[in-house]
């Protein structure tokens, strides 16, 4: 069973870079998001979300496809809970991202 650090506290980060206030501003978060996405912390959180979703895309409900964990909000990047994420297949993830760009 996968367990994350954030299950004991609403917003606890084990990744020190994001604990510093200057990285909490949106422009900094965008710049450091690629760094965060390469950490074991992110990989664990993404794996937990996919396990919760039973390895199924939450948009088209396909199984047996490559899934990505998508942030419903990036407000808590580095501090996200499973409820801040959704599992999407590559196609649905790209569609979702394109819809967000239009807004």
Foldseek 3Di string as FASTA:
>chain_A
DQDAPLPVDQFDFPDVVCVDVVCLDPVNVVVCVVVLCPDPRVVSLFVVLCVVVVQAAPPPRDHPADKTWDAPDCNRPRGDDSVRTGIHGPVVVVVVVVVVVVD
